[in-house]
Amino acid sequence: MTHEHHYKVTTVRQGNKGEGTNNVRTYDRSHIVHNNGKPDLHLTTDNATVGDNSKLNPEDLLVSAISSCHMLS
C-alpha cells in the first residue's frame, strides 16, 4: 500500500527595516511560516546577535521534529 504525504508551506520575511538585506546587521531575521490549515509559525534565526531569543528558530524545529519522530517510532 502506498501512502503519499504532501506538505505545502509559505515563508514570508518580516524583518525588512527599509534597507532590504543590503547590510547583514540592519535587518531583523523574523519570518512567518504558513502551514496550510495550521497555526502560523513566527520564527527567527538562532544567531543571538540578530535574532529574537523569544521566538523559535529552524534549529529548534529540527531538533523537535527528530525528537518527536524518535518518540513515535
C-alpha atoms as a PDB file:
ATOM      1  CA  MET A   1       0.000   0.000   0.000  1.00  0.00           C
ATOM      2  CA  THR A   2       1.357   3.403  -0.984  1.00  0.00           C
ATOM      3  CA  HIS A   3       0.881   6.373   1.306  1.00  0.00           C
ATOM      4  CA  GLU A   4       1.700   9.760  -0.092  1.00  0.00           C
ATOM      5  CA  HIS A   5       2.289  12.807   2.069  1.00  0.00           C
ATOM      6  CA  HIS A   6       2.193  16.286   0.613  1.00  0.00           C
ATOM      7  CA  TYR A   7       3.193  19.399   2.519  1.00  0.00           C
ATOM      8  CA  LYS A   8       2.915  22.996   1.412  1.00  0.00           C
ATOM      9  CA  VAL A   9       4.389  25.912   3.323  1.00  0.00           C
ATOM     10  CA  THR A  10       4.880  29.564   2.530  1.00  0.00           C
ATOM     11  CA  THR A  11       7.650  31.545   4.227  1.00  0.00           C
ATOM     12  CA  VAL A  12       7.370  35.327   4.450  1.00  0.00           C
ATOM     13  CA  ARG A  13      10.208  37.589   5.576  1.00  0.00           C
ATOM     14  CA  GLN A  14       9.101  40.154   8.156  1.00  0.00           C
ATOM     15  CA  GLY A  15      12.371  41.852   9.065  1.00  0.00           C
ATOM     16  CA  ASN A  16      12.917  44.453   6.341  1.00  0.00           C
ATOM     17  CA  LYS A  17      13.564  47.757   8.108  1.00  0.00           C
ATOM     18  CA  GLY A  18      13.680  49.754   4.878  1.00  0.00           C
ATOM     19  CA  GLU A  19      17.061  48.659   3.524  1.00  0.00           C
ATOM     20  CA  GLY A  20      16.233  45.123   2.435  1.00  0.00           C
ATOM     21  CA  THR A  21      19.136  42.742   3.009  1.00  0.00           C
ATOM     22  CA  ASN A  22      21.923  45.108   1.920  1.00  0.00           C
ATOM     23  CA  ASN A  23      23.632  45.015   5.305  1.00  0.00           C
ATOM     24  CA  VAL A  24      23.640  41.820   7.360  1.00  0.00           C
ATOM     25  CA  ARG A  25      23.312  43.832  10.600  1.00  0.00           C
ATOM     26  CA  THR A  26      20.390  46.066   9.570  1.00  0.00           C
ATOM     27  CA  TYR A  27      17.544  43.604   9.046  1.00  0.00           C
ATOM     28  CA  ASP A  28      15.639  41.516  11.544  1.00  0.00           C
ATOM     29  CA  ARG A  29      15.562  37.779  10.829  1.00  0.00           C
ATOM     30  CA  SER A  30      11.907  37.425  11.845  1.00  0.00           C
ATOM     31  CA  HIS A  31       9.746  35.486   9.432  1.00  0.00           C
ATOM     32  CA  ILE A  32       6.421  33.664   9.383  1.00  0.00           C
ATOM     33  CA  VAL A  33       5.892  30.157   8.048  1.00  0.00           C
ATOM     34  CA  HIS A  34       2.324  29.455   6.930  1.00  0.00           C
ATOM     35  CA  ASN A  35       1.344  25.776   7.012  1.00  0.00           C
ATOM     36  CA  ASN A  36      -1.873  25.108   5.131  1.00  0.00           C
ATOM     37  CA  GLY A  37      -4.708  24.984   7.671  1.00  0.00           C
ATOM     38  CA  LYS A  38      -2.414  25.010  10.730  1.00  0.00           C
ATOM     39  CA  PRO A  39      -1.178  27.729  13.094  1.00  0.00           C
ATOM     40  CA  ASP A  40       1.452  30.079  11.676  1.00  0.00           C
ATOM     41  CA  LEU A  41       4.999  29.755  12.981  1.00  0.00           C
ATOM     42  CA  HIS A  42       6.696  33.019  13.954  1.00  0.00           C
ATOM     43  CA  LEU A  43      10.409  32.272  13.651  1.00  0.00           C
ATOM     44  CA  THR A  44      13.822  33.906  13.738  1.00  0.00           C
ATOM     45  CA  THR A  45      17.466  32.918  13.406  1.00  0.00           C
ATOM     46  CA  ASP A  46      19.445  31.102  16.095  1.00  0.00           C
ATOM     47  CA  ASN A  47      22.095  33.838  15.861  1.00  0.00           C
ATOM     48  CA  ALA A  48      21.716  35.795  19.124  1.00  0.00           C
ATOM     49  CA  THR A  49      23.263  38.909  17.583  1.00  0.00           C
ATOM     50  CA  VAL A  50      20.476  39.428  15.057  1.00  0.00           C
ATOM     51  CA  GLY A  51      17.765  37.009  16.207  1.00  0.00           C
ATOM     52  CA  ASP A  52      14.932  37.211  18.726  1.00  0.00           C
ATOM     53  CA  ASN A  53      15.510  34.840  21.633  1.00  0.00           C
ATOM     54  CA  SER A  54      11.784  34.748  22.443  1.00  0.00           C
ATOM     55  CA  LYS A  55      10.951  33.056  19.107  1.00  0.00           C
ATOM     56  CA  LEU A  56      11.594  29.566  17.819  1.00  0.00           C
ATOM     57  CA  ASN A  57      14.240  29.093  15.148  1.00  0.00           C
ATOM     58  CA  PRO A  58      14.709  26.434  12.436  1.00  0.00           C
ATOM     59  CA  GLU A  59      17.229  24.570  14.598  1.00  0.00           C
ATOM     60  CA  ASP A  60      14.665  24.326  17.432  1.00  0.00           C
ATOM     61  CA  LEU A  61      12.149  22.902  14.977  1.00  0.00           C
ATOM     62  CA  LEU A  62      14.632  20.408  13.504  1.00  0.00           C
ATOM     63  CA  VAL A  63      15.582  19.025  16.920  1.00  0.00           C
ATOM     64  CA  SER A  64      11.893  18.953  17.918  1.00  0.00           C
ATOM     65  CA  ALA A  65      10.958  17.047  14.753  1.00  0.00           C
ATOM     66  CA  ILE A  66      13.709  14.465  15.268  1.00  0.00           C
ATOM     67  CA  SER A  67      12.745  14.024  18.909  1.00  0.00           C
ATOM     68  CA  SER A  68       9.072  13.645  18.072  1.00  0.00           C
ATOM     69  CA  CYS A  69       9.713  11.153  15.245  1.00  0.00           C
ATOM     70  CA  HIS A  70      12.005   9.124  17.504  1.00  0.00           C
ATOM     71  CA  MET A  71       9.412   9.067  20.285  1.00  0.00           C
ATOM     72  CA  LEU A  72       6.617   7.987  17.911  1.00  0.00           C
ATOM     73  CA  SER A  73       8.564   5.092  16.360  1.00  0.00           C
END
